[in-house]
Each structure stands twice: as C-alpha cells, then as structure tokens.
Amino acid sequence: MMIQQEILEAIKQYETIVIHRHERPDPDALGSQGGLAEIIKASFPEKKVYLVGEDVANLLYLNKMDGVTDEVYQGALVIVTDTANSPRIDDKRYVLGDKLIKIDHHPNDEPYGDLVWVNTGASSCSEIIYDFYAQFADELTLTDEGARLLYAGIVGDTGRFMYPASTAHTLEVASKLRQYDFDAIAIHRHMDEMDEKVAKLMGYVLANIDSDGEGTAKVVIPYSILEEYGIDDSETSGLIPVAGKISTIQVWALFVQQPSGVYRVRMRSKGPVINEIAKRHRGGGHPLASGAFAADQAEIDQIFAEMQEVLK
C-alpha cells in the first residue's frame, strides 16, 4: 500500500487527531498544519481535530492554536507537518499519541514516526497536503479556508514564487487554490508588510552588512539592538532576504543573538548548497535555505568561513 493510502486509512481509523508543526512557525508550517486540519474536519465532521503549538503574533492572520490537555492524546493519531527532525517539533507531547505520522518536504535526515511521507521535490509542505487532497478528491473535501491556508504556505515557502523550488506543478497547484473563495491579495500584503520598528531595524541591517567582496556576507544583530528597537527575534524573519537583494552577494547569513547569548542563524544561498553547514552547527534545512545556531563570535566566524568555502 502506498504511503498516501496508509495515511488516509490512519486518518479514517482515529477519532481524535492532533496536528503539530515546527517551533517558530512560518507560513508553510501553519498553512500545512491548518490546511490539513481543515481537510480532515470537512471530510470527517465527526472527528475531533486539534492544532498544537505556540501562537506567533505576526502570523495570527493565518490561524490560532488549540489548547489541549494531555488526556486528549490518549488513543489519538498525531501528525507532524513541515518538521525535519523531532527536536524541532513544537510541543513535545507528540510522543503521547497512539500513532505518529511525519509529512514533510525537507531532507529526511531523521525519519521519525510510524508513517513517513517526505517529498523533497515539493516547494512546500502545503503543496504536499494539496496533493494529498487531490489524490483522494473523491473522498476528501477542501474548504475555502483550507485553500487559503495552503496557498499562504506555498506563497511563504517559495518567496512568492521567486525560489528555485517553484516548479510548474507548484504554479498549477497555486492556480487551483486561487479558484477558491478567499482574499489572496490580503495574504500577499500581510507577507510584504512590516511594523515600523522592524523597518527601522532593516536600516540597521543594511548599514551593517559585512561582505567579503567575493560573494559571501553576514549581518550580526546583538540582543542589545533587539532591545533598543523593541523587537522580538520572531519579528526578524522578514529581514532574512535583505542582504540577498545585493546582486554581488551569493551566500549570506543573519545572526540574531537570543536572550541566552547564543545566536540563531538563518542562512540563504543563490546556488551553493548550504544545509550541510547548518547540520554541523545544530541545525539543518533546505539546500538553499537553512537554519543553525552559533554559541559565540568564534562559531560565527567558523560558519562564515564555511560559507566562503562552499562558494569557492
């Protein structure tokens, strides 16, 4: 039996389904999680379906999470979307369920779960969830709200269709989703807008791009700067593409210091593969978009040197 059929049979089997995604969610994490929930609720109204994880203030226009007790997990099916490895799953109670399913599009470095469906050729996990619906369209229902969430996930993870993962199939799926009744322009506007304080921090980022002149660059944001601008780390995600807008920069990273002193690292590339660097520094991700952590300035320098090496 193919994995998609096994997943559908598991969904049919369980009365309670709890859906998780990764920590510090982006639109694809929330879109795939919420989109799948909408499909299940519309297709099987008798089932209890819950979304689990921390809410993120600037993404509340997508969806909000449910508060669930430990008892909900007893005899429940747990599905995790858009999460490459188990330490990144938001809400560690995913282990309390009866059965665990992983659905993802990142490299399958950790095939956790009883059922694992990974398609690294997909632009996003939201694209995978749409394909799941389309494969069983005679049994499943996609609502307008589900289509809105999946569309947002695809738009988010493709950088509004600018990234190489945007295939002809991706655009076909987006086209089909646009036929549903939701405000697609509002989604694009939400993703393009930023608070005034973040815009001011963008000025700091532009003024502090450290480029080696050979195509590699970095920006380091100390925690004191976040405090000065009144910004939380979760609000800095919109600043990741800034250095890449410079035509001569091919590989770059944003290092954001956390209250604990460590730095959260977001790496991007226009060609050279960088996810192996991330894996060496407590992270991972896609070949051209990855995340990691740096303990101190010495590790920042090490990561930057490794970025220079992959560009060479």
C-alpha atoms as a PDB file:
ATOM      1  CA  MET A   1       0.000   0.000   0.000  1.00  0.00           C
ATOM      2  CA  MET A   2       1.392   3.414  -0.940  1.00  0.00           C
ATOM      3  CA  ILE A   3       2.170   5.800   1.892  1.00  0.00           C
ATOM      4  CA  GLN A   4      -0.602   8.261   0.966  1.00  0.00           C
ATOM      5  CA  GLN A   5      -3.189   5.479   1.219  1.00  0.00           C
ATOM      6  CA  GLU A   6      -1.757   4.375   4.571  1.00  0.00           C
ATOM      7  CA  ILE A   7      -2.052   7.928   5.892  1.00  0.00           C
ATOM      8  CA  LEU A   8      -5.652   8.219   4.700  1.00  0.00           C
ATOM      9  CA  GLU A   9      -6.535   4.887   6.333  1.00  0.00           C
ATOM     10  CA  ALA A  10      -4.962   6.069   9.613  1.00  0.00           C
ATOM     11  CA  ILE A  11      -6.983   9.297   9.477  1.00  0.00           C
ATOM     12  CA  LYS A  12     -10.143   7.271   8.929  1.00  0.00           C
ATOM     13  CA  GLN A  13      -9.291   4.954  11.812  1.00  0.00           C
ATOM     14  CA  TYR A  14      -8.802   7.509  14.602  1.00  0.00           C
ATOM     15  CA  GLU A  15     -11.494   9.603  16.248  1.00  0.00           C
ATOM     16  CA  THR A  16      -9.049  12.172  17.682  1.00  0.00           C
ATOM     17  CA  ILE A  17      -6.284  13.719  15.593  1.00  0.00           C
ATOM     18  CA  VAL A  18      -3.680  16.165  16.919  1.00  0.00           C
ATOM     19  CA  ILE A  19      -1.587  18.063  14.365  1.00  0.00           C
ATOM     20  CA  HIS A  20       1.794  19.569  15.240  1.00  0.00           C
ATOM     21  CA  ARG A  21       4.414  21.547  13.269  1.00  0.00           C
ATOM     22  CA  HIS A  22       7.824  23.036  13.967  1.00  0.00           C
ATOM     23  CA  GLU A  23       8.829  25.623  16.547  1.00  0.00           C
ATOM     24  CA  ARG A  24       8.958  29.275  15.464  1.00  0.00           C
ATOM     25  CA  PRO A  25       6.478  28.545  12.656  1.00  0.00           C
ATOM     26  CA  ASP A  26       6.497  30.189   9.256  1.00  0.00           C
ATOM     27  CA  PRO A  27       3.503  30.396   6.873  1.00  0.00           C
ATOM     28  CA  ASP A  28       4.182  26.922   5.473  1.00  0.00           C
ATOM     29  CA  ALA A  29       4.253  25.333   8.925  1.00  0.00           C
ATOM     30  CA  LEU A  30       0.938  26.965   9.824  1.00  0.00           C
ATOM     31  CA  GLY A  31      -0.508  26.548   6.339  1.00  0.00           C
ATOM     32  CA  SER A  32       0.199  22.813   6.077  1.00  0.00           C
ATOM     33  CA  GLN A  33      -0.891  22.187   9.660  1.00  0.00           C
ATOM     34  CA  GLY A  34      -4.088  24.210   9.380  1.00  0.00           C
ATOM     35  CA  GLY A  35      -4.833  23.196   5.811  1.00  0.00           C
ATOM     36  CA  LEU A  36      -4.655  19.517   6.701  1.00  0.00           C
ATOM     37  CA  ALA A  37      -6.897  20.120   9.719  1.00  0.00           C
ATOM     38  CA  GLU A  38      -9.488  21.867   7.535  1.00  0.00           C
ATOM     39  CA  ILE A  39      -9.482  18.968   5.067  1.00  0.00           C
ATOM     40  CA  ILE A  40      -9.960  16.384   7.818  1.00  0.00           C
ATOM     41  CA  LYS A  41     -12.690  18.350   9.607  1.00  0.00           C
ATOM     42  CA  ALA A  42     -14.629  18.955   6.396  1.00  0.00           C
ATOM     43  CA  SER A  43     -14.259  15.358   5.220  1.00  0.00           C
ATOM     44  CA  PHE A  44     -14.955  13.678   8.567  1.00  0.00           C
ATOM     45  CA  PRO A  45     -17.099  16.068  10.665  1.00  0.00           C
ATOM     46  CA  GLU A  46     -17.440  13.543  13.477  1.00  0.00           C
ATOM     47  CA  LYS A  47     -13.701  13.581  14.246  1.00  0.00           C
ATOM     48  CA  LYS A  48     -12.023  15.810  16.825  1.00  0.00           C
ATOM     49  CA  VAL A  49      -9.089  17.658  15.259  1.00  0.00           C
ATOM     50  CA  TYR A  50      -6.697  19.889  17.209  1.00  0.00           C
ATOM     51  CA  LEU A  51      -3.849  22.262  16.262  1.00  0.00           C
ATOM     52  CA  VAL A  52      -0.962  22.345  18.738  1.00  0.00           C
ATOM     53  CA  GLY A  53       1.959  24.741  19.228  1.00  0.00           C
ATOM     54  CA  GLU A  54       2.752  28.290  20.270  1.00  0.00           C
ATOM     55  CA  ASP A  55       0.901  31.162  18.617  1.00  0.00           C
ATOM     56  CA  VAL A  56       3.009  33.750  16.781  1.00  0.00           C
ATOM     57  CA  ALA A  57       1.719  37.311  16.966  1.00  0.00           C
ATOM     58  CA  ASN A  58       2.575  38.383  13.410  1.00  0.00           C
ATOM     59  CA  LEU A  59       1.033  35.219  11.915  1.00  0.00           C
ATOM     60  CA  LEU A  60      -2.311  35.246  13.689  1.00  0.00           C
ATOM     61  CA  TYR A  61      -3.933  36.251  10.403  1.00  0.00           C
ATOM     62  CA  LEU A  62      -3.399  32.624   9.378  1.00  0.00           C
ATOM     63  CA  ASN A  63      -4.703  30.648  12.348  1.00  0.00           C
ATOM     64  CA  LYS A  64      -4.608  30.142  16.110  1.00  0.00           C
ATOM     65  CA  MET A  65      -3.701  27.036  18.042  1.00  0.00           C
ATOM     66  CA  ASP A  66      -5.956  24.978  20.319  1.00  0.00           C
ATOM     67  CA  GLY A  67      -5.303  24.434  23.991  1.00  0.00           C
ATOM     68  CA  VAL A  68      -5.356  20.701  24.677  1.00  0.00           C
ATOM     69  CA  THR A  69      -4.785  18.596  27.782  1.00  0.00           C
ATOM     70  CA  ASP A  70      -2.559  15.541  27.992  1.00  0.00           C
ATOM     71  CA  GLU A  71      -5.674  13.371  28.075  1.00  0.00           C
ATOM     72  CA  VAL A  72      -6.533  14.367  24.505  1.00  0.00           C
ATOM     73  CA  TYR A  73      -3.515  12.391  23.284  1.00  0.00           C
ATOM     74  CA  GLN A  74      -4.738   9.089  24.730  1.00  0.00           C
ATOM     75  CA  GLY A  75      -5.532   6.833  21.777  1.00  0.00           C
ATOM     76  CA  ALA A  76      -5.056   9.736  19.353  1.00  0.00           C
ATOM     77  CA  LEU A  77      -3.385   9.973  15.954  1.00  0.00           C
ATOM     78  CA  VAL A  78      -0.600  12.570  15.901  1.00  0.00           C
ATOM     79  CA  ILE A  79       0.505  14.138  12.611  1.00  0.00           C
ATOM     80  CA  VAL A  80       3.541  16.432  12.330  1.00  0.00           C
ATOM     81  CA  THR A  81       3.875  18.638   9.252  1.00  0.00           C
ATOM     82  CA  ASP A  82       6.841  20.590   7.869  1.00  0.00           C
ATOM     83  CA  THR A  83       9.314  19.428  10.542  1.00  0.00           C
ATOM     84  CA  ALA A  84      12.552  17.705   9.558  1.00  0.00           C
ATOM     85  CA  ASN A  85      13.689  16.437  12.956  1.00  0.00           C
ATOM     86  CA  SER A  86      11.928  15.652  16.208  1.00  0.00           C
ATOM     87  CA  PRO A  87      13.750  18.207  18.438  1.00  0.00           C
ATOM     88  CA  ARG A  88      12.112  20.973  16.351  1.00  0.00           C
ATOM     89  CA  ILE A  89       8.543  19.723  16.880  1.00  0.00           C
ATOM     90  CA  ASP A  90       6.569  22.359  18.760  1.00  0.00           C
ATOM     91  CA  ASP A  91       5.002  20.856  21.937  1.00  0.00           C
ATOM     92  CA  LYS A  92       6.860  17.729  22.996  1.00  0.00           C
ATOM     93  CA  ARG A  93       3.652  15.885  23.871  1.00  0.00           C
ATOM     94  CA  TYR A  94       3.577  14.479  20.342  1.00  0.00           C
ATOM     95  CA  VAL A  95       5.047  11.308  21.903  1.00  0.00           C
ATOM     96  CA  LEU A  96       1.855  10.754  23.948  1.00  0.00           C
ATOM     97  CA  GLY A  97      -0.295   9.715  20.983  1.00  0.00           C
ATOM     98  CA  ASP A  98      -1.082   6.207  19.795  1.00  0.00           C
ATOM     99  CA  LYS A  99       0.410   6.634  16.299  1.00  0.00           C
ATOM    100  CA  LEU A 100       2.736   9.229  14.751  1.00  0.00           C
ATOM    101  CA  ILE A 101       2.865  10.402  11.121  1.00  0.00           C
ATOM    102  CA  LYS A 102       5.514  12.668   9.595  1.00  0.00           C
ATOM    103  CA  ILE A 103       4.662  14.697   6.457  1.00  0.00           C
ATOM    104  CA  ASP A 104       7.471  16.933   5.214  1.00  0.00           C
ATOM    105  CA  HIS A 105       9.469  18.322   2.297  1.00  0.00           C
ATOM    106  CA  HIS A 106      12.862  18.794   3.988  1.00  0.00           C
ATOM    107  CA  PRO A 107      15.687  16.263   3.527  1.00  0.00           C
ATOM    108  CA  ASN A 108      14.683  13.179   5.515  1.00  0.00           C
ATOM    109  CA  ASP A 109      17.675  13.117   7.859  1.00  0.00           C
ATOM    110  CA  GLU A 110      15.509  11.827  10.713  1.00  0.00           C
ATOM    111  CA  PRO A 111      12.637   9.577   9.570  1.00  0.00           C
ATOM    112  CA  TYR A 112      10.775   9.698  12.906  1.00  0.00           C
ATOM    113  CA  GLY A 113       7.239   8.337  13.231  1.00  0.00           C
ATOM    114  CA  ASP A 114       5.290   5.209  12.356  1.00  0.00           C
ATOM    115  CA  LEU A 115       4.459   6.511   8.875  1.00  0.00           C
ATOM    116  CA  VAL A 116       6.795   8.859   6.998  1.00  0.00           C
ATOM    117  CA  TRP A 117       5.923  10.752   3.809  1.00  0.00           C
ATOM    118  CA  VAL A 118       8.680  13.072   2.611  1.00  0.00           C
ATOM    119  CA  ASN A 119       8.779  14.721  -0.810  1.00  0.00           C
ATOM    120  CA  THR A 120      11.870  16.894  -1.129  1.00  0.00           C
ATOM    121  CA  GLY A 121      10.822  17.859  -4.646  1.00  0.00           C
ATOM    122  CA  ALA A 122       7.824  19.801  -3.335  1.00  0.00           C
ATOM    123  CA  SER A 123       8.051  23.564  -2.924  1.00  0.00           C
ATOM    124  CA  SER A 124       6.440  23.345   0.491  1.00  0.00           C
ATOM    125  CA  CYS A 125       4.646  21.031   2.857  1.00  0.00           C
ATOM    126  CA  SER A 126       1.454  22.865   1.928  1.00  0.00           C
ATOM    127  CA  GLU A 127       1.921  21.707  -1.673  1.00  0.00           C
ATOM    128  CA  ILE A 128       2.191  18.123  -0.384  1.00  0.00           C
ATOM    129  CA  ILE A 129      -1.033  18.496   1.605  1.00  0.00           C
ATOM    130  CA  TYR A 130      -2.831  19.760  -1.503  1.00  0.00           C
ATOM    131  CA  ASP A 131      -1.512  16.787  -3.478  1.00  0.00           C
ATOM    132  CA  PHE A 132      -2.852  14.503  -0.730  1.00  0.00           C
ATOM    133  CA  TYR A 133      -6.284  16.083  -1.075  1.00  0.00           C
ATOM    134  CA  ALA A 134      -6.181  15.941  -4.896  1.00  0.00           C
ATOM    135  CA  GLN A 135      -5.178  12.274  -4.900  1.00  0.00           C
ATOM    136  CA  PHE A 136      -8.288  11.367  -2.878  1.00  0.00           C
ATOM    137  CA  ALA A 137     -10.607  14.153  -4.042  1.00  0.00           C
ATOM    138  CA  ASP A 138     -13.467  11.659  -4.291  1.00  0.00           C
ATOM    139  CA  GLU A 139     -13.190  11.057  -0.534  1.00  0.00           C
ATOM    140  CA  LEU A 140     -11.823  14.343   0.809  1.00  0.00           C
ATOM    141  CA  THR A 141     -13.158  17.910   0.903  1.00  0.00           C
ATOM    142  CA  LEU A 142     -11.129  21.107   0.651  1.00  0.00           C
ATOM    143  CA  THR A 143     -12.824  24.212   2.048  1.00  0.00           C
ATOM    144  CA  ASP A 144     -12.185  27.848   1.180  1.00  0.00           C
ATOM    145  CA  GLU A 145     -10.384  28.269   4.494  1.00  0.00           C
ATOM    146  CA  GLY A 146      -8.255  25.204   3.845  1.00  0.00           C
ATOM    147  CA  ALA A 147      -7.360  26.554   0.403  1.00  0.00           C
ATOM    148  CA  ARG A 148      -6.426  29.927   1.928  1.00  0.00           C
ATOM    149  CA  LEU A 149      -4.044  28.296   4.388  1.00  0.00           C
ATOM    150  CA  LEU A 150      -2.405  26.048   1.804  1.00  0.00           C
ATOM    151  CA  TYR A 151      -1.997  28.951  -0.605  1.00  0.00           C
ATOM    152  CA  ALA A 152      -0.363  31.025   2.137  1.00  0.00           C
ATOM    153  CA  GLY A 153       2.014  28.179   2.912  1.00  0.00           C
ATOM    154  CA  ILE A 154       3.071  27.840  -0.711  1.00  0.00           C
ATOM    155  CA  VAL A 155       3.483  31.593  -1.183  1.00  0.00           C
ATOM    156  CA  GLY A 156       5.534  31.809   2.012  1.00  0.00           C
ATOM    157  CA  ASP A 157       7.937  28.968   1.280  1.00  0.00           C
ATOM    158  CA  THR A 158       8.505  29.950  -2.347  1.00  0.00           C
ATOM    159  CA  GLY A 159       9.204  33.604  -1.516  1.00  0.00           C
ATOM    160  CA  ARG A 160       6.165  34.488  -3.602  1.00  0.00           C
ATOM    161  CA  PHE A 161       7.340  32.106  -6.334  1.00  0.00           C
ATOM    162  CA  MET A 162      10.870  33.532  -6.543  1.00  0.00           C
ATOM    163  CA  TYR A 163      12.759  30.471  -5.223  1.00  0.00           C
ATOM    164  CA  PRO A 164      14.004  27.564  -7.379  1.00  0.00           C
ATOM    165  CA  ALA A 165      11.593  25.143  -5.673  1.00  0.00           C
ATOM    166  CA  SER A 166       8.723  26.859  -7.536  1.00  0.00           C
ATOM    167  CA  THR A 167       8.009  24.281 -10.229  1.00  0.00           C
ATOM    168  CA  ALA A 168       5.350  24.131 -12.923  1.00  0.00           C
ATOM    169  CA  HIS A 169       3.404  21.860 -10.575  1.00  0.00           C
ATOM    170  CA  THR A 170       3.697  24.448  -7.791  1.00  0.00           C
ATOM    171  CA  LEU A 171       2.170  27.101 -10.023  1.00  0.00           C
ATOM    172  CA  GLU A 172      -0.541  24.680 -11.128  1.00  0.00           C
ATOM    173  CA  VAL A 173      -1.457  23.967  -7.501  1.00  0.00           C
ATOM    174  CA  ALA A 174      -1.464  27.684  -6.686  1.00  0.00           C
ATOM    175  CA  SER A 175      -3.740  28.300  -9.659  1.00  0.00           C
ATOM    176  CA  LYS A 176      -6.194  25.666  -8.477  1.00  0.00           C
ATOM    177  CA  LEU A 177      -6.180  27.094  -4.955  1.00  0.00           C
ATOM    178  CA  ARG A 178      -6.884  30.591  -6.281  1.00  0.00           C
ATOM    179  CA  GLN A 179     -10.186  29.277  -7.627  1.00  0.00           C
ATOM    180  CA  TYR A 180     -11.471  29.026  -4.052  1.00  0.00           C
ATOM    181  CA  ASP A 181     -13.144  31.950  -2.298  1.00  0.00           C
ATOM    182  CA  PHE A 182     -10.533  33.753  -0.192  1.00  0.00           C
ATOM    183  CA  ASP A 183      -8.590  37.017  -0.330  1.00  0.00           C
ATOM    184  CA  ALA A 184      -5.261  36.037  -1.892  1.00  0.00           C
ATOM    185  CA  ILE A 185      -4.151  39.656  -2.201  1.00  0.00           C
ATOM    186  CA  ALA A 186      -4.515  40.091   1.557  1.00  0.00           C
ATOM    187  CA  ILE A 187      -2.117  37.166   2.071  1.00  0.00           C
ATOM    188  CA  HIS A 188       0.488  38.780  -0.195  1.00  0.00           C
ATOM    189  CA  ARG A 189       0.002  42.107   1.555  1.00  0.00           C
ATOM    190  CA  HIS A 190       0.424  40.564   5.022  1.00  0.00           C
ATOM    191  CA  MET A 191       3.679  38.927   3.941  1.00  0.00           C
ATOM    192  CA  ASP A 192       5.013  42.133   2.432  1.00  0.00           C
ATOM    193  CA  GLU A 193       4.118  44.469   5.296  1.00  0.00           C
ATOM    194  CA  MET A 194       6.185  45.054   8.428  1.00  0.00           C
ATOM    195  CA  ASP A 195       5.912  47.081  11.604  1.00  0.00           C
ATOM    196  CA  GLU A 196       7.601  50.460  11.642  1.00  0.00           C
ATOM    197  CA  LYS A 197      10.105  49.262  14.260  1.00  0.00           C
ATOM    198  CA  VAL A 198      11.110  46.348  12.003  1.00  0.00           C
ATOM    199  CA  ALA A 199      11.521  48.759   9.094  1.00  0.00           C
ATOM    200  CA  LYS A 200      13.876  50.815  11.227  1.00  0.00           C
ATOM    201  CA  LEU A 201      15.832  47.679  12.110  1.00  0.00           C
ATOM    202  CA  MET A 202      16.094  47.000   8.368  1.00  0.00           C
ATOM    203  CA  GLY A 203      18.069  50.226   8.181  1.00  0.00           C
ATOM    204  CA  TYR A 204      20.459  48.806  10.777  1.00  0.00           C
ATOM    205  CA  VAL A 205      20.761  45.577   8.771  1.00  0.00           C
ATOM    206  CA  LEU A 206      21.551  47.442   5.543  1.00  0.00           C
ATOM    207  CA  ALA A 207      24.146  49.568   7.334  1.00  0.00           C
ATOM    208  CA  ASN A 208      25.818  46.523   8.893  1.00  0.00           C
ATOM    209  CA  ILE A 209      26.085  44.051   6.023  1.00  0.00           C
ATOM    210  CA  ASP A 210      29.574  42.572   6.320  1.00  0.00           C
ATOM    211  CA  SER A 211      30.616  41.366   2.860  1.00  0.00           C
ATOM    212  CA  ASP A 212      33.947  39.796   1.944  1.00  0.00           C
ATOM    213  CA  GLY A 213      33.715  41.259  -1.550  1.00  0.00           C
ATOM    214  CA  GLU A 214      33.737  37.749  -3.024  1.00  0.00           C
ATOM    215  CA  GLY A 215      30.021  36.953  -2.711  1.00  0.00           C
ATOM    216  CA  THR A 216      29.658  35.953   0.942  1.00  0.00           C
ATOM    217  CA  ALA A 217      28.059  38.233   3.540  1.00  0.00           C
ATOM    218  CA  LYS A 218      26.727  38.252   7.071  1.00  0.00           C
ATOM    219  CA  VAL A 219      24.772  40.513   9.401  1.00  0.00           C
ATOM    220  CA  VAL A 220      25.082  40.155  13.169  1.00  0.00           C
ATOM    221  CA  ILE A 221      22.299  41.589  15.341  1.00  0.00           C
ATOM    222  CA  PRO A 222      23.252  41.711  19.043  1.00  0.00           C
ATOM    223  CA  TYR A 223      20.471  41.232  21.567  1.00  0.00           C
ATOM    224  CA  SER A 224      21.073  44.798  22.769  1.00  0.00           C
ATOM    225  CA  ILE A 225      19.970  46.029  19.339  1.00  0.00           C
ATOM    226  CA  LEU A 226      16.763  43.973  19.534  1.00  0.00           C
ATOM    227  CA  GLU A 227      16.083  45.580  22.910  1.00  0.00           C
ATOM    228  CA  GLU A 228      16.849  49.047  21.564  1.00  0.00           C
ATOM    229  CA  TYR A 229      14.362  48.631  18.718  1.00  0.00           C
ATOM    230  CA  GLY A 230      11.805  46.781  20.872  1.00  0.00           C
ATOM    231  CA  ILE A 231      11.826  43.734  18.603  1.00  0.00           C
ATOM    232  CA  ASP A 232      11.490  40.028  19.310  1.00  0.00           C
ATOM    233  CA  ASP A 233      13.540  37.504  17.323  1.00  0.00           C
ATOM    234  CA  SER A 234      10.380  36.128  15.682  1.00  0.00           C
ATOM    235  CA  GLU A 235       9.857  39.537  14.053  1.00  0.00           C
ATOM    236  CA  THR A 236      13.234  39.480  12.278  1.00  0.00           C
ATOM    237  CA  SER A 237      12.312  36.772   9.757  1.00  0.00           C
ATOM    238  CA  GLY A 238      11.332  39.384   7.170  1.00  0.00           C
ATOM    239  CA  LEU A 239      14.891  40.724   7.254  1.00  0.00           C
ATOM    240  CA  ILE A 240      16.498  37.486   6.052  1.00  0.00           C
ATOM    241  CA  PRO A 241      16.295  38.340   2.302  1.00  0.00           C
ATOM    242  CA  VAL A 242      17.721  41.867   2.695  1.00  0.00           C
ATOM    243  CA  ALA A 243      21.414  41.079   2.081  1.00  0.00           C
ATOM    244  CA  GLY A 244      20.486  38.835  -0.838  1.00  0.00           C
ATOM    245  CA  LYS A 245      18.978  41.759  -2.709  1.00  0.00           C
ATOM    246  CA  ILE A 246      22.539  42.917  -3.413  1.00  0.00           C
ATOM    247  CA  SER A 247      23.444  41.473  -6.806  1.00  0.00           C
ATOM    248  CA  THR A 248      27.027  40.558  -5.896  1.00  0.00           C
ATOM    249  CA  ILE A 249      26.077  38.573  -2.786  1.00  0.00           C
ATOM    250  CA  GLN A 250      25.518  34.846  -3.398  1.00  0.00           C
ATOM    251  CA  VAL A 251      25.606  33.337   0.113  1.00  0.00           C
ATOM    252  CA  TRP A 252      24.610  35.159   3.272  1.00  0.00           C
ATOM    253  CA  ALA A 253      23.501  34.692   6.870  1.00  0.00           C
ATOM    254  CA  LEU A 254      21.636  36.621   9.532  1.00  0.00           C
ATOM    255  CA  PHE A 255      22.940  36.014  13.064  1.00  0.00           C
ATOM    256  CA  VAL A 256      20.421  37.121  15.711  1.00  0.00           C
ATOM    257  CA  GLN A 257      21.500  36.935  19.339  1.00  0.00           C
ATOM    258  CA  GLN A 258      18.998  35.424  21.765  1.00  0.00           C
ATOM    259  CA  PRO A 259      18.490  36.442  25.438  1.00  0.00           C
ATOM    260  CA  SER A 260      20.649  33.446  26.440  1.00  0.00           C
ATOM    261  CA  GLY A 261      23.558  34.797  24.416  1.00  0.00           C
ATOM    262  CA  VAL A 262      23.546  32.217  21.621  1.00  0.00           C
ATOM    263  CA  TYR A 263      22.879  33.287  18.050  1.00  0.00           C
ATOM    264  CA  ARG A 264      20.106  31.986  15.841  1.00  0.00           C
ATOM    265  CA  VAL A 265      21.497  31.626  12.336  1.00  0.00           C
ATOM    266  CA  ARG A 266      19.457  31.898   9.127  1.00  0.00           C
ATOM    267  CA  MET A 267      21.460  31.069   6.011  1.00  0.00           C
ATOM    268  CA  ARG A 268      20.442  31.630   2.410  1.00  0.00           C
ATOM    269  CA  SER A 269      22.083  30.932  -0.941  1.00  0.00           C
ATOM    270  CA  LYS A 270      21.500  31.698  -4.605  1.00  0.00           C
ATOM    271  CA  GLY A 271      23.184  28.469  -5.695  1.00  0.00           C
ATOM    272  CA  PRO A 272      25.816  26.830  -3.465  1.00  0.00           C
ATOM    273  CA  VAL A 273      24.403  24.163  -1.129  1.00  0.00           C
ATOM    274  CA  ILE A 274      24.473  25.320   2.496  1.00  0.00           C
ATOM    275  CA  ASN A 275      22.396  22.842   4.512  1.00  0.00           C
ATOM    276  CA  GLU A 276      25.451  20.692   5.297  1.00  0.00           C
ATOM    277  CA  ILE A 277      26.926  23.724   7.065  1.00  0.00           C
ATOM    278  CA  ALA A 278      23.738  24.037   9.111  1.00  0.00           C
ATOM    279  CA  LYS A 279      23.882  20.364  10.107  1.00  0.00           C
ATOM    280  CA  ARG A 280      27.372  20.884  11.519  1.00  0.00           C
ATOM    281  CA  HIS A 281      26.056  23.676  13.725  1.00  0.00           C
ATOM    282  CA  ARG A 282      22.983  22.146  15.382  1.00  0.00           C
ATOM    283  CA  GLY A 283      20.625  22.875  12.516  1.00  0.00           C
ATOM    284  CA  GLY A 284      19.521  21.823   9.058  1.00  0.00           C
ATOM    285  CA  GLY A 285      17.076  22.677   6.312  1.00  0.00           C
ATOM    286  CA  HIS A 286      16.906  23.001   2.554  1.00  0.00           C
ATOM    287  CA  PRO A 287      19.948  23.118   0.258  1.00  0.00           C
ATOM    288  CA  LEU A 288      19.498  26.873  -0.295  1.00  0.00           C
ATOM    289  CA  ALA A 289      17.693  27.892   2.918  1.00  0.00           C
ATOM    290  CA  SER A 290      18.786  26.585   6.297  1.00  0.00           C
ATOM    291  CA  GLY A 291      18.960  27.449   9.974  1.00  0.00           C
ATOM    292  CA  ALA A 292      21.524  26.754  12.685  1.00  0.00           C
ATOM    293  CA  PHE A 293      22.928  28.081  15.965  1.00  0.00           C
ATOM    294  CA  ALA A 294      26.204  29.747  16.935  1.00  0.00           C
ATOM    295  CA  ALA A 295      27.358  29.745  20.539  1.00  0.00           C
ATOM    296  CA  ASP A 296      29.601  32.798  20.261  1.00  0.00           C
ATOM    297  CA  GLN A 297      31.633  35.021  17.962  1.00  0.00           C
ATOM    298  CA  ALA A 298      34.123  32.231  17.335  1.00  0.00           C
ATOM    299  CA  GLU A 299      31.381  29.981  15.944  1.00  0.00           C
ATOM    300  CA  ILE A 300      30.005  32.881  13.874  1.00  0.00           C
ATOM    301  CA  ASP A 301      33.450  33.225  12.306  1.00  0.00           C
ATOM    302  CA  GLN A 302      33.621  29.469  11.713  1.00  0.00           C
ATOM    303  CA  ILE A 303      30.229  29.391   9.979  1.00  0.00           C
ATOM    304  CA  PHE A 304      31.177  32.368   7.838  1.00  0.00           C
ATOM    305  CA  ALA A 305      34.425  30.651   6.816  1.00  0.00           C
ATOM    306  CA  GLU A 306      32.454  27.519   5.839  1.00  0.00           C
ATOM    307  CA  MET A 307      30.075  29.674   3.788  1.00  0.00           C
ATOM    308  CA  GLN A 308      33.055  31.201   1.972  1.00  0.00           C
ATOM    309  CA  GLU A 309      34.372  27.707   1.280  1.00  0.00           C
ATOM    310  CA  VAL A 310      31.145  26.412  -0.304  1.00  0.00           C
ATOM    311  CA  LEU A 311      31.022  29.470  -2.560  1.00  0.00           C
ATOM    312  CA  LYS A 312      34.580  28.763  -3.734  1.00  0.00           C
END
